[in-house]
Structure formats: C-alpha cells, structure tokens
Amino acid sequence: MRLDKFLKVTRLIKRRTVAKEFAENERVLINGRVAKPSAEVRPGDMITIRLGEKQLVVEVLEVKDSARASDARNLYRVIS
C-alpha cells in the first residue's frame, strides 16, 4: 500500500493530501530513509513522522485498504 494512503487509513494523518505533503517535504521516513508518498508500506516497517520538534515513530503491524476508526489503531504500534 502507498505511504500516503496508509497514513490516512490509520488516521495518523487525517487527509491523504496532507500525508502526501508531509512526504514530499521529507517529513516522513520509512526504516530511517526519506520516503515518497508512493513508497510501499509493509508489515514490520518503521515509520517516523516529523511533527515540528517532535517525532512519532510507529511500527506497521498490518496493512488494510480500509479500516473503521475503532480498528485503525490495530494497524500500527506506537514506539515513541
């Protein structure tokens, strides 16, 4: 699944266009590397999102095309 879609489905970022902008501005890393919006996300990947001075690091547990809000948190695990 594309990175921008994964961020939207999991609700880590509310809108796909915003997720795309984050990735285009090099604010999203997959496994320590700057990722494009079209980068492939797989279970086991570590995604880092830079939010100003803070960073959110999550591990991808599962990839689904859609998820309810209540199920979205089960697709990843927050590391820090």
Protein backbone atom coordinates (compact mmCIF):
# COMPACT_ATOMS: atom_id res chain seq x y z
CA MET A 1 0.00 0.00 0.00
CA ARG A 2 1.16 3.54 -0.71
CA LEU A 3 2.52 5.53 2.22
CA ASP A 4 0.08 8.43 1.86
CA LYS A 5 -2.91 6.06 1.81
CA PHE A 6 -1.62 4.10 4.82
CA LEU A 7 -1.24 7.29 6.86
CA LYS A 8 -4.83 8.24 6.02
CA VAL A 9 -6.34 4.78 6.64
CA THR A 10 -4.65 4.54 10.04
CA ARG A 11 -5.64 8.13 10.82
CA LEU A 12 -2.07 9.04 11.75
CA ILE A 13 -2.68 11.94 9.35
CA LYS A 14 -6.33 12.85 8.73
CA ARG A 15 -6.21 13.56 4.98
CA ARG A 16 -4.35 11.89 2.16
CA THR A 17 -3.38 15.23 0.60
CA VAL A 18 -1.80 16.31 3.90
CA ALA A 19 0.03 12.96 4.13
CA LYS A 20 1.31 13.49 0.60
CA GLU A 21 2.59 16.98 1.51
CA PHE A 22 4.36 15.62 4.60
CA ALA A 23 6.17 13.01 2.49
CA GLU A 24 7.03 15.48 -0.29
CA ASN A 25 8.59 17.79 2.32
CA GLU A 26 10.77 14.93 3.67
CA ARG A 27 8.92 14.78 6.99
CA VAL A 28 8.18 11.04 6.77
CA LEU A 29 10.76 8.24 6.96
CA ILE A 30 10.35 4.52 6.38
CA ASN A 31 13.01 2.43 8.10
CA GLY A 32 15.20 5.53 8.53
CA ARG A 33 15.03 6.65 4.89
CA VAL A 34 13.14 9.62 3.48
CA ALA A 35 10.01 8.26 1.79
CA LYS A 36 7.99 9.47 -1.17
CA PRO A 37 4.18 9.44 -0.98
CA SER A 38 4.15 6.45 -3.34
CA ALA A 39 6.58 4.39 -1.22
CA GLU A 40 5.33 0.89 -0.44
CA VAL A 41 4.41 0.18 3.21
CA ARG A 42 4.68 -3.38 4.50
CA PRO A 43 4.15 -5.04 7.89
CA GLY A 44 7.28 -4.66 10.02
CA ASP A 45 8.23 -1.26 8.58
CA MET A 46 9.08 1.55 11.00
CA ILE A 47 7.51 4.88 10.03
CA THR A 48 8.78 8.13 11.51
CA ILE A 49 6.67 11.27 11.16
CA ARG A 50 8.35 14.58 12.00
CA LEU A 51 5.90 16.98 13.62
CA GLY A 52 7.89 20.16 14.23
CA GLU A 53 10.24 19.46 17.14
CA LYS A 54 8.57 16.13 17.93
CA GLN A 55 8.74 12.77 16.18
CA LEU A 56 6.19 9.99 16.11
CA VAL A 57 7.60 6.52 15.45
CA VAL A 58 5.25 3.62 14.70
CA GLU A 59 5.69 0.01 13.62
CA VAL A 60 3.37 -1.23 10.89
CA LEU A 61 1.54 -4.33 12.12
CA GLU A 62 -0.96 -4.82 9.32
CA VAL A 63 -1.89 -3.21 6.01
CA LYS A 64 -5.57 -2.89 5.01
CA ASP A 65 -7.25 -0.87 2.26
CA SER A 66 -9.79 0.50 4.73
CA ALA A 67 -10.47 0.41 8.44
CA ARG A 68 -13.03 1.78 10.85
CA ALA A 69 -11.83 4.43 13.26
CA SER A 70 -12.02 1.90 16.11
CA ASP A 71 -9.89 -0.63 14.18
CA ALA A 72 -7.33 1.82 12.76
CA ARG A 73 -5.14 1.75 15.90
CA ASN A 74 -4.69 -2.01 15.48
CA LEU A 75 -2.80 -1.50 12.22
CA TYR A 76 0.25 0.03 13.95
CA ARG A 77 2.06 0.15 17.28
CA VAL A 78 3.45 3.41 18.69
CA ILE A 79 7.15 3.09 19.52
CA SER A 80 7.83 6.67 20.63
